[in-house]
Amino acid sequence: MSDPILGQILNQLQQMDKRFDSIDGHLGKIDHRLDAMEERLGAVESRLDTVDDRLNAIEEQTKNIPLLQQAVLETLTVTKRLDASQSASERKVTTELNTHQHSIDILNRRQLRMEADIETLKSR
């Protein structure tokens, strides 16, 4: 195998290495964002627990007052929508992570194939 071809292969591998470094950087940013989102979701969850506790107390105290009872039920509906929204956000984040993981797997396979090809070319 000639030196120019090996040089091209090395150049491609170096470019792939740069791409992997870039992907690692992006994944690091995503991890940081996910950590921040998890913290915020934890705070929201804590707040939702507090809201649920308050709603239970209000329901008990106002169950015979129709207008207050209606207000409590509306607040409960909002809380359920917030829960649904939180679940949708978690699914979206999980989907993005799976997509990135799949891309990384594909790139890893390509790199392994190229390394195997290089080894085969070297052994000729």
PDB file of N, CA and C in Angstrom:
ATOM      1  N   MET A   1       0.861  -1.168   0.000  1.00  0.00           N
ATOM      2  CA  MET A   1       0.000   0.000   0.000  1.00  0.00           C
ATOM      3  C   MET A   1       0.902   1.223   0.000  1.00  0.00           C
ATOM      4  N   SER A   2       0.553   2.189  -0.762  1.00  0.00           N
ATOM      5  CA  SER A   2       1.416   3.352  -0.926  1.00  0.00           C
ATOM      6  C   SER A   2       1.222   4.352   0.217  1.00  0.00           C
ATOM      7  N   ASP A   3       2.263   5.141   0.394  1.00  0.00           N
ATOM      8  CA  ASP A   3       2.241   6.144   1.459  1.00  0.00           C
ATOM      9  C   ASP A   3       1.136   7.178   1.283  1.00  0.00           C
ATOM     10  N   PRO A   4       0.830   7.623   0.068  1.00  0.00           N
ATOM     11  CA  PRO A   4      -0.266   8.599  -0.072  1.00  0.00           C
ATOM     12  C   PRO A   4      -1.612   8.036   0.399  1.00  0.00           C
ATOM     13  N   ILE A   5      -1.868   6.782   0.096  1.00  0.00           N
ATOM     14  CA  ILE A   5      -3.138   6.183   0.519  1.00  0.00           C
ATOM     15  C   ILE A   5      -3.183   6.083   2.034  1.00  0.00           C
ATOM     16  N   LEU A   6      -2.082   5.628   2.619  1.00  0.00           N
ATOM     17  CA  LEU A   6      -2.030   5.549   4.082  1.00  0.00           C
ATOM     18  C   LEU A   6      -2.166   6.946   4.698  1.00  0.00           C
ATOM     19  N   GLY A   7      -1.598   7.921   4.032  1.00  0.00           N
ATOM     20  CA  GLY A   7      -1.721   9.296   4.502  1.00  0.00           C
ATOM     21  C   GLY A   7      -3.159   9.776   4.461  1.00  0.00           C
ATOM     22  N   GLN A   8      -3.842   9.403   3.383  1.00  0.00           N
ATOM     23  CA  GLN A   8      -5.262   9.777   3.280  1.00  0.00           C
ATOM     24  C   GLN A   8      -6.081   9.101   4.369  1.00  0.00           C
ATOM     25  N   ILE A   9      -5.797   7.834   4.595  1.00  0.00           N
ATOM     26  CA  ILE A   9      -6.512   7.101   5.635  1.00  0.00           C
ATOM     27  C   ILE A   9      -6.248   7.736   6.995  1.00  0.00           C
ATOM     28  N   LEU A  10      -4.988   8.060   7.256  1.00  0.00           N
ATOM     29  CA  LEU A  10      -4.645   8.705   8.523  1.00  0.00           C
ATOM     30  C   LEU A  10      -5.352  10.049   8.646  1.00  0.00           C
ATOM     31  N   ASN A  11      -5.382  10.786   7.556  1.00  0.00           N
ATOM     32  CA  ASN A  11      -6.068  12.078   7.569  1.00  0.00           C
ATOM     33  C   ASN A  11      -7.549  11.904   7.879  1.00  0.00           C
ATOM     34  N   GLN A  12      -8.178  10.905   7.266  1.00  0.00           N
ATOM     35  CA  GLN A  12      -9.591  10.644   7.528  1.00  0.00           C
ATOM     36  C   GLN A  12      -9.814  10.246   8.983  1.00  0.00           C
ATOM     37  N   LEU A  13      -8.915   9.430   9.502  1.00  0.00           N
ATOM     38  CA  LEU A  13      -9.040   9.033  10.905  1.00  0.00           C
ATOM     39  C   LEU A  13      -8.880  10.241  11.833  1.00  0.00           C
ATOM     40  N   GLN A  14      -7.976  11.118  11.487  1.00  0.00           N
ATOM     41  CA  GLN A  14      -7.796  12.314  12.301  1.00  0.00           C
ATOM     42  C   GLN A  14      -9.035  13.201  12.240  1.00  0.00           C
ATOM     43  N   GLN A  15      -9.629  13.294  11.055  1.00  0.00           N
ATOM     44  CA  GLN A  15     -10.864  14.072  10.929  1.00  0.00           C
ATOM     45  C   GLN A  15     -11.984  13.438  11.739  1.00  0.00           C
ATOM     46  N   MET A  16     -12.057  12.107  11.698  1.00  0.00           N
ATOM     47  CA  MET A  16     -13.075  11.413  12.489  1.00  0.00           C
ATOM     48  C   MET A  16     -12.841  11.657  13.972  1.00  0.00           C
ATOM     49  N   ASP A  17     -11.575  11.655  14.373  1.00  0.00           N
ATOM     50  CA  ASP A  17     -11.257  11.897  15.780  1.00  0.00           C
ATOM     51  C   ASP A  17     -11.724  13.292  16.193  1.00  0.00           C
ATOM     52  N   LYS A  18     -11.529  14.270  15.309  1.00  0.00           N
ATOM     53  CA  LYS A  18     -12.003  15.619  15.595  1.00  0.00           C
ATOM     54  C   LYS A  18     -13.522  15.637  15.701  1.00  0.00           C
ATOM     55  N   ARG A  19     -14.165  14.897  14.806  1.00  0.00           N
ATOM     56  CA  ARG A  19     -15.633  14.839  14.856  1.00  0.00           C
ATOM     57  C   ARG A  19     -16.099  14.206  16.161  1.00  0.00           C
ATOM     58  N   PHE A  20     -15.416  13.140  16.556  1.00  0.00           N
ATOM     59  CA  PHE A  20     -15.774  12.498  17.830  1.00  0.00           C
ATOM     60  C   PHE A  20     -15.590  13.458  18.994  1.00  0.00           C
ATOM     61  N   ASP A  21     -14.499  14.231  18.954  1.00  0.00           N
ATOM     62  CA  ASP A  21     -14.290  15.225  20.008  1.00  0.00           C
ATOM     63  C   ASP A  21     -15.427  16.246  20.014  1.00  0.00           C
ATOM     64  N   SER A  22     -15.850  16.648  18.824  1.00  0.00           N
ATOM     65  CA  SER A  22     -16.964  17.587  18.715  1.00  0.00           C
ATOM     66  C   SER A  22     -18.245  16.975  19.268  1.00  0.00           C
ATOM     67  N   ILE A  23     -18.491  15.731  18.905  1.00  0.00           N
ATOM     68  CA  ILE A  23     -19.685  15.036  19.403  1.00  0.00           C
ATOM     69  C   ILE A  23     -19.614  14.909  20.922  1.00  0.00           C
ATOM     70  N   ASP A  24     -18.444  14.572  21.437  1.00  0.00           N
ATOM     71  CA  ASP A  24     -18.281  14.479  22.889  1.00  0.00           C
ATOM     72  C   ASP A  24     -18.594  15.817  23.554  1.00  0.00           C
ATOM     73  N   GLY A  25     -18.152  16.895  22.933  1.00  0.00           N
ATOM     74  CA  GLY A  25     -18.442  18.220  23.475  1.00  0.00           C
ATOM     75  C   GLY A  25     -19.926  18.508  23.477  1.00  0.00           C
ATOM     76  N   HIS A  26     -20.567  18.160  22.382  1.00  0.00           N
ATOM     77  CA  HIS A  26     -22.021  18.366  22.307  1.00  0.00           C
ATOM     78  C   HIS A  26     -22.741  17.513  23.335  1.00  0.00           C
ATOM     79  N   LEU A  27     -22.309  16.280  23.486  1.00  0.00           N
ATOM     80  CA  LEU A  27     -22.947  15.406  24.468  1.00  0.00           C
ATOM     81  C   LEU A  27     -22.718  15.922  25.886  1.00  0.00           C
ATOM     82  N   GLY A  28     -21.554  16.497  26.120  1.00  0.00           N
ATOM     83  CA  GLY A  28     -21.293  17.094  27.427  1.00  0.00           C
ATOM     84  C   GLY A  28     -22.244  18.244  27.712  1.00  0.00           C
ATOM     85  N   LYS A  29     -22.480  19.053  26.678  1.00  0.00           N
ATOM     86  CA  LYS A  29     -23.430  20.154  26.845  1.00  0.00           C
ATOM     87  C   LYS A  29     -24.827  19.614  27.096  1.00  0.00           C
ATOM     88  N   ILE A  30     -25.190  18.566  26.371  1.00  0.00           N
ATOM     89  CA  ILE A  30     -26.517  17.964  26.561  1.00  0.00           C
ATOM     90  C   ILE A  30     -26.629  17.402  27.969  1.00  0.00           C
ATOM     91  N   ASP A  31     -25.575  16.723  28.428  1.00  0.00           N
ATOM     92  CA  ASP A  31     -25.589  16.193  29.798  1.00  0.00           C
ATOM     93  C   ASP A  31     -25.774  17.326  30.811  1.00  0.00           C
ATOM     94  N   HIS A  32     -25.069  18.423  30.581  1.00  0.00           N
ATOM     95  CA  HIS A  32     -25.185  19.570  31.496  1.00  0.00           C
ATOM     96  C   HIS A  32     -26.617  20.100  31.484  1.00  0.00           C
ATOM     97  N   ARG A  33     -27.189  20.212  30.292  1.00  0.00           N
ATOM     98  CA  ARG A  33     -28.571  20.691  30.184  1.00  0.00           C
ATOM     99  C   ARG A  33     -29.524  19.724  30.872  1.00  0.00           C
ATOM    100  N   LEU A  34     -29.293  18.436  30.682  1.00  0.00           N
ATOM    101  CA  LEU A  34     -30.165  17.440  31.309  1.00  0.00           C
ATOM    102  C   LEU A  34     -30.064  17.510  32.827  1.00  0.00           C
ATOM    103  N   ASP A  35     -28.846  17.701  33.327  1.00  0.00           N
ATOM    104  CA  ASP A  35     -28.682  17.838  34.779  1.00  0.00           C
ATOM    105  C   ASP A  35     -29.465  19.044  35.289  1.00  0.00           C
ATOM    106  N   ALA A  36     -29.369  20.144  34.559  1.00  0.00           N
ATOM    107  CA  ALA A  36     -30.107  21.347  34.964  1.00  0.00           C
ATOM    108  C   ALA A  36     -31.608  21.099  34.898  1.00  0.00           C
ATOM    109  N   MET A  37     -32.038  20.400  33.850  1.00  0.00           N
ATOM    110  CA  MET A  37     -33.471  20.102  33.721  1.00  0.00           C
ATOM    111  C   MET A  37     -33.932  19.171  34.834  1.00  0.00           C
ATOM    112  N   GLU A  38     -33.098  18.205  35.193  1.00  0.00           N
ATOM    113  CA  GLU A  38     -33.459  17.288  36.279  1.00  0.00           C
ATOM    114  C   GLU A  38     -33.610  18.050  37.590  1.00  0.00           C
ATOM    115  N   GLU A  39     -32.702  18.990  37.830  1.00  0.00           N
ATOM    116  CA  GLU A  39     -32.810  19.797  39.051  1.00  0.00           C
ATOM    117  C   GLU A  39     -34.104  20.606  39.042  1.00  0.00           C
ATOM    118  N   ARG A  40     -34.395  21.211  37.894  1.00  0.00           N
ATOM    119  CA  ARG A  40     -35.618  22.009  37.797  1.00  0.00           C
ATOM    120  C   ARG A  40     -36.845  21.120  37.921  1.00  0.00           C
ATOM    121  N   LEU A  41     -36.802  19.946  37.311  1.00  0.00           N
ATOM    122  CA  LEU A  41     -37.937  19.028  37.415  1.00  0.00           C
ATOM    123  C   LEU A  41     -38.115  18.550  38.855  1.00  0.00           C
ATOM    124  N   GLY A  42     -37.011  18.360  39.556  1.00  0.00           N
ATOM    125  CA  GLY A  42     -37.105  17.983  40.970  1.00  0.00           C
ATOM    126  C   GLY A  42     -37.771  19.073  41.789  1.00  0.00           C
ATOM    127  N   ALA A  43     -37.415  20.318  41.493  1.00  0.00           N
ATOM    128  CA  ALA A  43     -38.044  21.435  42.202  1.00  0.00           C
ATOM    129  C   ALA A  43     -39.530  21.520  41.858  1.00  0.00           C
ATOM    130  N   VAL A  44     -39.846  21.309  40.585  1.00  0.00           N
ATOM    131  CA  VAL A  44     -41.257  21.335  40.168  1.00  0.00           C
ATOM    132  C   VAL A  44     -42.011  20.208  40.847  1.00  0.00           C
ATOM    133  N   GLU A  45     -41.387  19.041  40.902  1.00  0.00           N
ATOM    134  CA  GLU A  45     -42.039  17.892  41.545  1.00  0.00           C
ATOM    135  C   GLU A  45     -42.288  18.178  43.025  1.00  0.00           C
ATOM    136  N   SER A  46     -41.317  18.776  43.680  1.00  0.00           N
ATOM    137  CA  SER A  46     -41.492  19.137  45.087  1.00  0.00           C
ATOM    138  C   SER A  46     -42.625  20.138  45.239  1.00  0.00           C
ATOM    139  N   ARG A  47     -42.655  21.103  44.339  1.00  0.00           N
ATOM    140  CA  ARG A  47     -43.736  22.090  44.388  1.00  0.00           C
ATOM    141  C   ARG A  47     -45.077  21.430  44.112  1.00  0.00           C
ATOM    142  N   LEU A  48     -45.092  20.469  43.177  1.00  0.00           N
ATOM    143  CA  LEU A  48     -46.341  19.774  42.883  1.00  0.00           C
ATOM    144  C   LEU A  48     -46.807  18.950  44.084  1.00  0.00           C
ATOM    145  N   ASP A  49     -45.865  18.336  44.793  1.00  0.00           N
ATOM    146  CA  ASP A  49     -46.237  17.600  46.010  1.00  0.00           C
ATOM    147  C   ASP A  49     -46.871  18.539  47.033  1.00  0.00           C
ATOM    148  N   THR A  50     -46.279  19.716  47.171  1.00  0.00           N
ATOM    149  CA  THR A  50     -46.831  20.707  48.095  1.00  0.00           C
ATOM    150  C   THR A  50     -48.234  21.126  47.658  1.00  0.00           C
ATOM    151  N   VAL A  51     -48.388  21.360  46.359  1.00  0.00           N
ATOM    152  CA  VAL A  51     -49.703  21.737  45.832  1.00  0.00           C
ATOM    153  C   VAL A  51     -50.709  20.617  46.082  1.00  0.00           C
ATOM    154  N   ASP A  52     -50.297  19.359  45.834  1.00  0.00           N
ATOM    155  CA  ASP A  52     -51.199  18.228  46.081  1.00  0.00           C
ATOM    156  C   ASP A  52     -51.618  18.156  47.551  1.00  0.00           C
ATOM    157  N   ASP A  53     -50.666  18.351  48.445  1.00  0.00           N
ATOM    158  CA  ASP A  53     -50.990  18.326  49.879  1.00  0.00           C
ATOM    159  C   ASP A  53     -51.981  19.440  50.236  1.00  0.00           C
ATOM    160  N   ARG A  54     -51.712  20.609  49.708  1.00  0.00           N
ATOM    161  CA  ARG A  54     -52.616  21.720  49.987  1.00  0.00           C
ATOM    162  C   ARG A  54     -54.006  21.456  49.419  1.00  0.00           C
ATOM    163  N   LEU A  55     -54.052  20.902  48.232  1.00  0.00           N
ATOM    164  CA  LEU A  55     -55.343  20.609  47.610  1.00  0.00           C
ATOM    165  C   LEU A  55     -56.140  19.610  48.438  1.00  0.00           C
ATOM    166  N   ASN A  56     -55.464  18.601  48.949  1.00  0.00           N
ATOM    167  CA  ASN A  56     -56.162  17.620  49.785  1.00  0.00           C
ATOM    168  C   ASN A  56     -56.771  18.280  51.026  1.00  0.00           C
ATOM    169  N   ALA A  57     -56.024  19.170  51.660  1.00  0.00           N
ATOM    170  CA  ALA A  57     -56.529  19.869  52.848  1.00  0.00           C
ATOM    171  C   ALA A  57     -57.703  20.774  52.488  1.00  0.00           C
ATOM    172  N   ILE A  58     -57.565  21.472  51.387  1.00  0.00           N
ATOM    173  CA  ILE A  58     -58.651  22.368  50.961  1.00  0.00           C
ATOM    174  C   ILE A  58     -59.900  21.571  50.621  1.00  0.00           C
ATOM    175  N   GLU A  59     -59.732  20.460  49.936  1.00  0.00           N
ATOM    176  CA  GLU A  59     -60.889  19.631  49.585  1.00  0.00           C
ATOM    177  C   GLU A  59     -61.646  19.188  50.837  1.00  0.00           C
ATOM    178  N   GLU A  60     -60.909  18.796  51.837  1.00  0.00           N
ATOM    179  CA  GLU A  60     -61.559  18.344  53.071  1.00  0.00           C
ATOM    180  C   GLU A  60     -62.312  19.485  53.751  1.00  0.00           C
ATOM    181  N   GLN A  61     -61.698  20.648  53.769  1.00  0.00           N
ATOM    182  CA  GLN A  61     -62.309  21.787  54.450  1.00  0.00           C
ATOM    183  C   GLN A  61     -63.460  22.409  53.678  1.00  0.00           C
ATOM    184  N   THR A  62     -63.473  22.249  52.389  1.00  0.00           N
ATOM    185  CA  THR A  62     -64.475  22.950  51.578  1.00  0.00           C
ATOM    186  C   THR A  62     -65.380  22.019  50.786  1.00  0.00           C
ATOM    187  N   LYS A  63     -65.452  20.762  51.152  1.00  0.00           N
ATOM    188  CA  LYS A  63     -66.213  19.823  50.338  1.00  0.00           C
ATOM    189  C   LYS A  63     -67.700  20.138  50.285  1.00  0.00           C
ATOM    190  N   ASN A  64     -68.212  20.892  51.213  1.00  0.00           N
ATOM    191  CA  ASN A  64     -69.629  21.239  51.214  1.00  0.00           C
ATOM    192  C   ASN A  64     -69.904  22.593  50.569  1.00  0.00           C
ATOM    193  N   ILE A  65     -68.881  23.273  50.115  1.00  0.00           N
ATOM    194  CA  ILE A  65     -69.064  24.584  49.487  1.00  0.00           C
ATOM    195  C   ILE A  65     -68.823  24.400  47.981  1.00  0.00           C
ATOM    196  N   PRO A  66     -69.891  24.413  47.196  1.00  0.00           N
ATOM    197  CA  PRO A  66     -69.785  24.080  45.774  1.00  0.00           C
ATOM    198  C   PRO A  66     -68.805  24.948  44.982  1.00  0.00           C
ATOM    199  N   LEU A  67     -68.789  26.251  45.173  1.00  0.00           N
ATOM    200  CA  LEU A  67     -67.892  27.103  44.385  1.00  0.00           C
ATOM    201  C   LEU A  67     -66.428  26.837  44.716  1.00  0.00           C
ATOM    202  N   LEU A  68     -66.107  26.672  45.988  1.00  0.00           N
ATOM    203  CA  LEU A  68     -64.726  26.372  46.377  1.00  0.00           C
ATOM    204  C   LEU A  68     -64.330  24.983  45.902  1.00  0.00           C
ATOM    205  N   GLN A  69     -65.259  24.070  45.954  1.00  0.00           N
ATOM    206  CA  GLN A  69     -64.985  22.718  45.486  1.00  0.00           C
ATOM    207  C   GLN A  69     -64.660  22.739  43.992  1.00  0.00           C
ATOM    208  N   GLN A  70     -65.389  23.522  43.238  1.00  0.00           N
ATOM    209  CA  GLN A  70     -65.132  23.634  41.805  1.00  0.00           C
ATOM    210  C   GLN A  70     -63.742  24.220  41.553  1.00  0.00           C
ATOM    211  N   ALA A  71     -63.337  25.234  42.317  1.00  0.00           N
ATOM    212  CA  ALA A  71     -62.014  25.845  42.158  1.00  0.00           C
ATOM    213  C   ALA A  71     -60.908  24.839  42.442  1.00  0.00           C
ATOM    214  N   VAL A  72     -61.119  24.017  43.460  1.00  0.00           N
ATOM    215  CA  VAL A  72     -60.113  22.997  43.801  1.00  0.00           C
ATOM    216  C   VAL A  72     -59.985  21.988  42.669  1.00  0.00           C
ATOM    217  N   LEU A  73     -61.090  21.563  42.108  1.00  0.00           N
ATOM    218  CA  LEU A  73     -61.052  20.590  41.019  1.00  0.00           C
ATOM    219  C   LEU A  73     -60.365  21.173  39.776  1.00  0.00           C
ATOM    220  N   GLU A  74     -60.583  22.449  39.531  1.00  0.00           N
ATOM    221  CA  GLU A  74     -59.899  23.091  38.403  1.00  0.00           C
ATOM    222  C   GLU A  74     -58.392  23.146  38.632  1.00  0.00           C
ATOM    223  N   THR A  75     -57.995  23.450  39.867  1.00  0.00           N
ATOM    224  CA  THR A  75     -56.568  23.463  40.197  1.00  0.00           C
ATOM    225  C   THR A  75     -55.963  22.068  40.051  1.00  0.00           C
ATOM    226  N   LEU A  76     -56.700  21.057  40.432  1.00  0.00           N
ATOM    227  CA  LEU A  76     -56.241  19.689  40.277  1.00  0.00           C
ATOM    228  C   LEU A  76     -56.043  19.343  38.801  1.00  0.00           C
ATOM    229  N   THR A  77     -56.938  19.838  37.952  1.00  0.00           N
ATOM    230  CA  THR A  77     -56.805  19.616  36.512  1.00  0.00           C
ATOM    231  C   THR A  77     -55.518  20.248  35.992  1.00  0.00           C
ATOM    232  N   VAL A  78     -55.221  21.449  36.448  1.00  0.00           N
ATOM    233  CA  VAL A  78     -53.983  22.120  36.048  1.00  0.00           C
ATOM    234  C   VAL A  78     -52.777  21.305  36.497  1.00  0.00           C
ATOM    235  N   THR A  79     -52.827  20.779  37.699  1.00  0.00           N
ATOM    236  CA  THR A  79     -51.728  19.970  38.222  1.00  0.00           C
ATOM    237  C   THR A  79     -51.530  18.719  37.354  1.00  0.00           C
ATOM    238  N   LYS A  80     -52.622  18.113  36.947  1.00  0.00           N
ATOM    239  CA  LYS A  80     -52.519  16.932  36.085  1.00  0.00           C
ATOM    240  C   LYS A  80     -51.913  17.298  34.734  1.00  0.00           C
ATOM    241  N   ARG A  81     -52.296  18.465  34.212  1.00  0.00           N
ATOM    242  CA  ARG A  81     -51.709  18.908  32.945  1.00  0.00           C
ATOM    243  C   ARG A  81     -50.206  19.149  33.102  1.00  0.00           C
ATOM    244  N   LEU A  82     -49.803  19.718  34.238  1.00  0.00           N
ATOM    245  CA  LEU A  82     -48.370  19.919  34.494  1.00  0.00           C
ATOM    246  C   LEU A  82     -47.641  18.586  34.546  1.00  0.00           C
ATOM    247  N   ASP A  83     -48.261  17.590  35.191  1.00  0.00           N
ATOM    248  CA  ASP A  83     -47.672  16.246  35.229  1.00  0.00           C
ATOM    249  C   ASP A  83     -47.536  15.685  33.823  1.00  0.00           C
ATOM    250  N   ALA A  84     -48.568  15.854  33.006  1.00  0.00           N
ATOM    251  CA  ALA A  84     -48.530  15.355  31.629  1.00  0.00           C
ATOM    252  C   ALA A  84     -47.457  16.075  30.834  1.00  0.00           C
ATOM    253  N   SER A  85     -47.324  17.363  31.054  1.00  0.00           N
ATOM    254  CA  SER A  85     -46.298  18.156  30.364  1.00  0.00           C
ATOM    255  C   SER A  85     -44.907  17.710  30.782  1.00  0.00           C
ATOM    256  N   GLN A  86     -44.732  17.443  32.057  1.00  0.00           N
ATOM    257  CA  GLN A  86     -43.443  16.963  32.558  1.00  0.00           C
ATOM    258  C   GLN A  86     -43.117  15.612  31.927  1.00  0.00           C
ATOM    259  N   SER A  87     -44.083  14.732  31.829  1.00  0.00           N
ATOM    260  CA  SER A  87     -43.864  13.423  31.228  1.00  0.00           C
ATOM    261  C   SER A  87     -43.482  13.560  29.755  1.00  0.00           C
ATOM    262  N   ALA A  88     -44.146  14.464  29.059  1.00  0.00           N
ATOM    263  CA  ALA A  88     -43.825  14.683  27.643  1.00  0.00           C
ATOM    264  C   ALA A  88     -42.400  15.195  27.499  1.00  0.00           C
ATOM    265  N   SER A  89     -41.974  16.086  28.380  1.00  0.00           N
ATOM    266  CA  SER A  89     -40.598  16.605  28.335  1.00  0.00           C
ATOM    267  C   SER A  89     -39.592  15.492  28.592  1.00  0.00           C
ATOM    268  N   GLU A  90     -39.888  14.643  29.544  1.00  0.00           N
ATOM    269  CA  GLU A  90     -38.978  13.538  29.841  1.00  0.00           C
ATOM    270  C   GLU A  90     -38.878  12.590  28.643  1.00  0.00           C
ATOM    271  N   ARG A  91     -40.003  12.317  27.979  1.00  0.00           N
ATOM    272  CA  ARG A  91     -39.971  11.446  26.797  1.00  0.00           C
ATOM    273  C   ARG A  91     -39.147  12.084  25.689  1.00  0.00           C
ATOM    274  N   LYS A  92     -39.291  13.393  25.514  1.00  0.00           N
ATOM    275  CA  LYS A  92     -38.536  14.085  24.471  1.00  0.00           C
ATOM    276  C   LYS A  92     -37.039  14.006  24.748  1.00  0.00           C
ATOM    277  N   VAL A  93     -36.643  14.238  25.983  1.00  0.00           N
ATOM    278  CA  VAL A  93     -35.224  14.176  26.354  1.00  0.00           C
ATOM    279  C   VAL A  93     -34.689  12.756  26.144  1.00  0.00           C
ATOM    280  N   THR A  94     -35.478  11.762  26.539  1.00  0.00           N
ATOM    281  CA  THR A  94     -35.061  10.374  26.363  1.00  0.00           C
ATOM    282  C   THR A  94     -34.897  10.053  24.884  1.00  0.00           C
ATOM    283  N   THR A  95     -35.816  10.528  24.059  1.00  0.00           N
ATOM    284  CA  THR A  95     -35.723  10.294  22.615  1.00  0.00           C
ATOM    285  C   THR A  95     -34.458  10.924  22.049  1.00  0.00           C
ATOM    286  N   GLU A  96     -34.160  12.149  22.470  1.00  0.00           N
ATOM    287  CA  GLU A  96     -32.944  12.818  21.994  1.00  0.00           C
ATOM    288  C   GLU A  96     -31.695  12.057  22.416  1.00  0.00           C
ATOM    289  N   LEU A  97     -31.680  11.580  23.647  1.00  0.00           N
ATOM    290  CA  LEU A  97     -30.526  10.813  24.109  1.00  0.00           C
ATOM    291  C   LEU A  97     -30.373   9.530  23.297  1.00  0.00           C
ATOM    292  N   ASN A  98     -31.469   8.851  23.027  1.00  0.00           N
ATOM    293  CA  ASN A  98     -31.414   7.630  22.231  1.00  0.00           C
ATOM    294  C   ASN A  98     -30.903   7.915  20.823  1.00  0.00           C
ATOM    295  N   THR A  99     -31.337   9.027  20.252  1.00  0.00           N
ATOM    296  CA  THR A  99     -30.888   9.403  18.910  1.00  0.00           C
ATOM    297  C   THR A  99     -29.388   9.666  18.915  1.00  0.00           C
ATOM    298  N   HIS A 100     -28.915  10.400  19.910  1.00  0.00           N
ATOM    299  CA  HIS A 100     -27.478  10.674  19.997  1.00  0.00           C
ATOM    300  C   HIS A 100     -26.690   9.388  20.230  1.00  0.00           C
ATOM    301  N   GLN A 101     -27.213   8.517  21.067  1.00  0.00           N
ATOM    302  CA  GLN A 101     -26.524   7.258  21.338  1.00  0.00           C
ATOM    303  C   GLN A 101     -26.445   6.420  20.057  1.00  0.00           C
ATOM    304  N   HIS A 102     -27.502   6.411  19.287  1.00  0.00           N
ATOM    305  CA  HIS A 102     -27.516   5.655  18.031  1.00  0.00           C
ATOM    306  C   HIS A 102     -26.465   6.222  17.073  1.00  0.00           C
ATOM    307  N   SER A 103     -26.387   7.553  16.999  1.00  0.00           N
ATOM    308  CA  SER A 103     -25.393   8.186  16.130  1.00  0.00           C
ATOM    309  C   SER A 103     -23.975   7.825  16.572  1.00  0.00           C
ATOM    310  N   ILE A 104     -23.755   7.836  17.863  1.00  0.00           N
ATOM    311  CA  ILE A 104     -22.431   7.474  18.388  1.00  0.00           C
ATOM    312  C   ILE A 104     -22.119   6.027  18.054  1.00  0.00           C
ATOM    313  N   ASP A 105     -23.089   5.143  18.209  1.00  0.00           N
ATOM    314  CA  ASP A 105     -22.877   3.734  17.874  1.00  0.00           C
ATOM    315  C   ASP A 105     -22.502   3.566  16.408  1.00  0.00           C
ATOM    316  N   ILE A 106     -23.191   4.276  15.530  1.00  0.00           N
ATOM    317  CA  ILE A 106     -22.884   4.195  14.100  1.00  0.00           C
ATOM    318  C   ILE A 106     -21.465   4.681  13.840  1.00  0.00           C
ATOM    319  N   LEU A 107     -21.100   5.810  14.443  1.00  0.00           N
ATOM    320  CA  LEU A 107     -19.744   6.341  14.249  1.00  0.00           C
ATOM    321  C   LEU A 107     -18.686   5.385  14.801  1.00  0.00           C
ATOM    322  N   ASN A 108     -18.971   4.767  15.943  1.00  0.00           N
ATOM    323  CA  ASN A 108     -18.033   3.805  16.511  1.00  0.00           C
ATOM    324  C   ASN A 108     -17.846   2.618  15.579  1.00  0.00           C
ATOM    325  N   ARG A 109     -18.937   2.133  15.005  1.00  0.00           N
ATOM    326  CA  ARG A 109     -18.826   1.007  14.068  1.00  0.00           C
ATOM    327  C   ARG A 109     -18.006   1.392  12.849  1.00  0.00           C
ATOM    328  N   ARG A 110     -18.244   2.574  12.342  1.00  0.00           N
ATOM    329  CA  ARG A 110     -17.474   3.038  11.176  1.00  0.00           C
ATOM    330  C   ARG A 110     -15.991   3.120  11.515  1.00  0.00           C
ATOM    331  N   GLN A 111     -15.707   3.655  12.681  1.00  0.00           N
ATOM    332  CA  GLN A 111     -14.307   3.776  13.067  1.00  0.00           C
ATOM    333  C   GLN A 111     -13.664   2.398  13.198  1.00  0.00           C
ATOM    334  N   LEU A 112     -14.378   1.463  13.803  1.00  0.00           N
ATOM    335  CA  LEU A 112     -13.835   0.114  13.942  1.00  0.00           C
ATOM    336  C   LEU A 112     -13.599  -0.520  12.579  1.00  0.00           C
ATOM    337  N   ARG A 113     -14.545  -0.319  11.642  1.00  0.00           N
ATOM    338  CA  ARG A 113     -14.360  -0.861  10.297  1.00  0.00           C
ATOM    339  C   ARG A 113     -13.143  -0.248   9.626  1.00  0.00           C
ATOM    340  N   MET A 114     -12.988   1.057   9.782  1.00  0.00           N
ATOM    341  CA  MET A 114     -11.840   1.723   9.160  1.00  0.00           C
ATOM    342  C   MET A 114     -10.536   1.237   9.779  1.00  0.00           C
ATOM    343  N   GLU A 115     -10.537   1.063  11.103  1.00  0.00           N
ATOM    344  CA  GLU A 115      -9.332   0.563  11.758  1.00  0.00           C
ATOM    345  C   GLU A 115      -9.010  -0.853  11.287  1.00  0.00           C
ATOM    346  N   ALA A 116     -10.039  -1.667  11.125  1.00  0.00           N
ATOM    347  CA  ALA A 116      -9.820  -3.032  10.631  1.00  0.00           C
ATOM    348  C   ALA A 116      -9.300  -2.988   9.204  1.00  0.00           C
ATOM    349  N   ASP A 117      -9.859  -2.100   8.379  1.00  0.00           N
ATOM    350  CA  ASP A 117      -9.387  -1.966   7.009  1.00  0.00           C
ATOM    351  C   ASP A 117      -7.924  -1.521   6.971  1.00  0.00           C
ATOM    352  N   ILE A 118      -7.586  -0.594   7.850  1.00  0.00           N
ATOM    353  CA  ILE A 118      -6.196  -0.119   7.917  1.00  0.00           C
ATOM    354  C   ILE A 118      -5.263  -1.267   8.307  1.00  0.00           C
ATOM    355  N   GLU A 119      -5.689  -2.032   9.307  1.00  0.00           N
ATOM    356  CA  GLU A 119      -4.858  -3.173   9.732  1.00  0.00           C
ATOM    357  C   GLU A 119      -4.695  -4.169   8.603  1.00  0.00           C
ATOM    358  N   THR A 120      -5.771  -4.383   7.849  1.00  0.00           N
ATOM    359  CA  THR A 120      -5.704  -5.314   6.712  1.00  0.00           C
ATOM    360  C   THR A 120      -4.750  -4.765   5.667  1.00  0.00           C
ATOM    361  N   LEU A 121      -4.855  -3.464   5.401  1.00  0.00           N
ATOM    362  CA  LEU A 121      -3.964  -2.853   4.422  1.00  0.00           C
ATOM    363  C   LEU A 121      -2.507  -2.885   4.886  1.00  0.00           C
ATOM    364  N   LYS A 122      -2.304  -2.703   6.175  1.00  0.00           N
ATOM    365  CA  LYS A 122      -0.932  -2.753   6.701  1.00  0.00           C
ATOM    366  C   LYS A 122      -0.336  -4.142   6.584  1.00  0.00           C
ATOM    367  N   SER A 123      -1.183  -5.150   6.773  1.00  0.00           N
ATOM    368  CA  SER A 123      -0.650  -6.505   6.759  1.00  0.00           C
ATOM    369  C   SER A 123      -0.402  -7.042   5.352  1.00  0.00           C
ATOM    370  N   ARG A 124      -0.846  -6.342   4.367  1.00  0.00           N
ATOM    371  CA  ARG A 124      -0.626  -6.792   2.961  1.00  0.00           C
ATOM    372  C   ARG A 124       0.759  -6.544   2.510  1.00  0.00           C
TER     373      ARG A 124
END
